[in-house]
Structure formats: C-alpha cells, structure tokens
Amino acid sequence: MLVIKGIYDGKEIKPLEKIPFNEKCDVIITFINKKYDNPDSDIDPIKALRGCSEGRNLTQKLLESRKEDLELEEAKFRKR
C-alpha cells in the first residue's frame, strides 16, 4: 500500500506528492480532518458498538482458535 498526501478543494483531490506510477488502479480516499475526529462528540463509541456482534458467538470462536493454536504449538514440540 502506498500513502500520498493530497488536498481536496471541494471539487477535486490534488496529490501533494509525485505518484510513482501512471497506470489506473484502485484507491482508498481517507479524509483526515479534525471536524470528523471530534472527542467532544455526544456519541459514546462503547455504547454505539455494544451488541453489534450479538449472536455470533465470538467468545466461543476465540476460545476454539486459541485451542487450535495451542495444539499446533504442542505438535511442534512433539516433533523434536
């Protein structure tokens, strides 16, 4: 991934650095602006995300994944 600084003037995005290639490619445009990063926001991020993974059994999946990792590590030591 390549990161290049640029400016959006309300109509176009203008790169502030040389782009090292000329062919077409997919890009992801990220706006970094203090007005979108407001620590005084009334939205509590913990409350906003609470329940978003409900019904997905993420704790059980994590425990299963850790068990698999442990089994792989034990298998490495048994081979020695």
C-alpha atoms as a PDB file:
ATOM      1  CA  MET A   1       0.000   0.000   0.000  1.00  0.00           C
ATOM      2  CA  LEU A   2       1.272   3.453  -0.874  1.00  0.00           C
ATOM      3  CA  VAL A   3       0.251   6.588   1.040  1.00  0.00           C
ATOM      4  CA  ILE A   4       0.419  10.014  -0.600  1.00  0.00           C
ATOM      5  CA  LYS A   5      -0.690  13.316   0.898  1.00  0.00           C
ATOM      6  CA  GLY A   6      -3.219  15.369  -1.009  1.00  0.00           C
ATOM      7  CA  ILE A   7      -5.739  18.176  -0.737  1.00  0.00           C
ATOM      8  CA  TYR A   8      -9.441  18.184  -1.524  1.00  0.00           C
ATOM      9  CA  ASP A   9     -10.602  21.609  -2.676  1.00  0.00           C
ATOM     10  CA  GLY A  10     -14.307  20.787  -2.664  1.00  0.00           C
ATOM     11  CA  LYS A  11     -14.256  19.547  -6.281  1.00  0.00           C
ATOM     12  CA  GLU A  12     -11.068  17.572  -6.894  1.00  0.00           C
ATOM     13  CA  ILE A  13      -8.432  15.702  -4.960  1.00  0.00           C
ATOM     14  CA  LYS A  14      -4.967  17.018  -5.796  1.00  0.00           C
ATOM     15  CA  PRO A  15      -1.895  14.998  -4.806  1.00  0.00           C
ATOM     16  CA  LEU A  16       0.821  16.939  -2.960  1.00  0.00           C
ATOM     17  CA  GLU A  17       3.465  14.336  -3.801  1.00  0.00           C
ATOM     18  CA  LYS A  18       4.558  12.624  -7.009  1.00  0.00           C
ATOM     19  CA  ILE A  19       2.657   9.435  -7.784  1.00  0.00           C
ATOM     20  CA  PRO A  20       5.266   6.803  -8.751  1.00  0.00           C
ATOM     21  CA  PHE A  21       3.166   5.078 -11.448  1.00  0.00           C
ATOM     22  CA  ASN A  22       0.846   6.022 -14.307  1.00  0.00           C
ATOM     23  CA  GLU A  23      -1.485   3.052 -14.786  1.00  0.00           C
ATOM     24  CA  LYS A  24      -5.052   3.001 -13.476  1.00  0.00           C
ATOM     25  CA  CYS A  25      -5.518   1.435 -10.050  1.00  0.00           C
ATOM     26  CA  ASP A  26      -7.974   1.265  -7.184  1.00  0.00           C
ATOM     27  CA  VAL A  27      -7.507   3.809  -4.421  1.00  0.00           C
ATOM     28  CA  ILE A  28      -8.954   4.392  -0.974  1.00  0.00           C
ATOM     29  CA  ILE A  29      -9.524   8.044  -0.162  1.00  0.00           C
ATOM     30  CA  THR A  30      -9.425   8.916   3.537  1.00  0.00           C
ATOM     31  CA  PHE A  31     -10.335  12.360   4.785  1.00  0.00           C
ATOM     32  CA  ILE A  32      -8.236  13.384   7.776  1.00  0.00           C
ATOM     33  CA  ASN A  33      -9.917  16.379   9.287  1.00  0.00           C
ATOM     34  CA  LYS A  34     -10.431  17.460  12.873  1.00  0.00           C
ATOM     35  CA  LYS A  35     -14.097  18.173  12.325  1.00  0.00           C
ATOM     36  CA  TYR A  36     -14.649  14.423  11.778  1.00  0.00           C
ATOM     37  CA  ASP A  37     -12.470  13.458  14.744  1.00  0.00           C
ATOM     38  CA  ASN A  38     -14.381  15.182  17.499  1.00  0.00           C
ATOM     39  CA  PRO A  39     -13.516  13.976  21.011  1.00  0.00           C
ATOM     40  CA  ASP A  40     -16.331  16.151  22.403  1.00  0.00           C
ATOM     41  CA  SER A  41     -18.928  14.208  20.439  1.00  0.00           C
ATOM     42  CA  ASP A  42     -22.118  13.207  22.247  1.00  0.00           C
ATOM     43  CA  ILE A  43     -21.760   9.669  20.863  1.00  0.00           C
ATOM     44  CA  ASP A  44     -20.212   7.149  23.252  1.00  0.00           C
ATOM     45  CA  PRO A  45     -18.323   4.688  20.990  1.00  0.00           C
ATOM     46  CA  ILE A  46     -18.643   1.863  23.536  1.00  0.00           C
ATOM     47  CA  LYS A  47     -22.407   2.250  23.709  1.00  0.00           C
ATOM     48  CA  ALA A  48     -22.668   2.698  19.930  1.00  0.00           C
ATOM     49  CA  LEU A  49     -20.915  -0.630  19.281  1.00  0.00           C
ATOM     50  CA  ARG A  50     -22.488  -2.606  22.106  1.00  0.00           C
ATOM     51  CA  GLY A  51     -24.427  -5.554  20.726  1.00  0.00           C
ATOM     52  CA  CYS A  52     -23.168  -5.207  17.145  1.00  0.00           C
ATOM     53  CA  SER A  53     -21.857  -8.804  17.154  1.00  0.00           C
ATOM     54  CA  GLU A  54     -24.754 -10.303  19.055  1.00  0.00           C
ATOM     55  CA  GLY A  55     -25.460 -13.912  18.133  1.00  0.00           C
ATOM     56  CA  ARG A  56     -22.072 -14.519  16.529  1.00  0.00           C
ATOM     57  CA  ASN A  57     -20.521 -16.398  19.480  1.00  0.00           C
ATOM     58  CA  LEU A  58     -17.248 -14.514  19.181  1.00  0.00           C
ATOM     59  CA  THR A  59     -16.016 -15.606  22.620  1.00  0.00           C
ATOM     60  CA  GLN A  60     -16.541 -19.265  21.721  1.00  0.00           C
ATOM     61  CA  LYS A  61     -14.782 -18.774  18.375  1.00  0.00           C
ATOM     62  CA  LEU A  62     -11.851 -17.092  20.132  1.00  0.00           C
ATOM     63  CA  LEU A  63     -11.542 -19.958  22.616  1.00  0.00           C
ATOM     64  CA  GLU A  64     -11.645 -22.509  19.784  1.00  0.00           C
ATOM     65  CA  SER A  65      -8.979 -20.597  17.872  1.00  0.00           C
ATOM     66  CA  ARG A  66      -6.729 -20.446  20.944  1.00  0.00           C
ATOM     67  CA  LYS A  67      -7.177 -24.189  21.472  1.00  0.00           C
ATOM     68  CA  GLU A  68      -6.143 -24.826  17.848  1.00  0.00           C
ATOM     69  CA  ASP A  69      -3.082 -22.587  18.306  1.00  0.00           C
ATOM     70  CA  LEU A  70      -2.104 -24.479  21.453  1.00  0.00           C
ATOM     71  CA  GLU A  71      -2.476 -27.828  19.654  1.00  0.00           C
ATOM     72  CA  LEU A  72      -0.260 -26.580  16.790  1.00  0.00           C
ATOM     73  CA  GLU A  73       2.407 -25.401  19.238  1.00  0.00           C
ATOM     74  CA  GLU A  74       2.313 -28.712  21.124  1.00  0.00           C
ATOM     75  CA  ALA A  75       2.630 -30.599  17.817  1.00  0.00           C
ATOM     76  CA  LYS A  76       5.799 -28.627  17.007  1.00  0.00           C
ATOM     77  CA  PHE A  77       7.405 -29.685  20.307  1.00  0.00           C
ATOM     78  CA  ARG A  78       6.371 -33.341  19.858  1.00  0.00           C
ATOM     79  CA  LYS A  79       8.236 -33.455  16.511  1.00  0.00           C
ATOM     80  CA  ARG A  80      11.538 -32.526  18.171  1.00  0.00           C
END
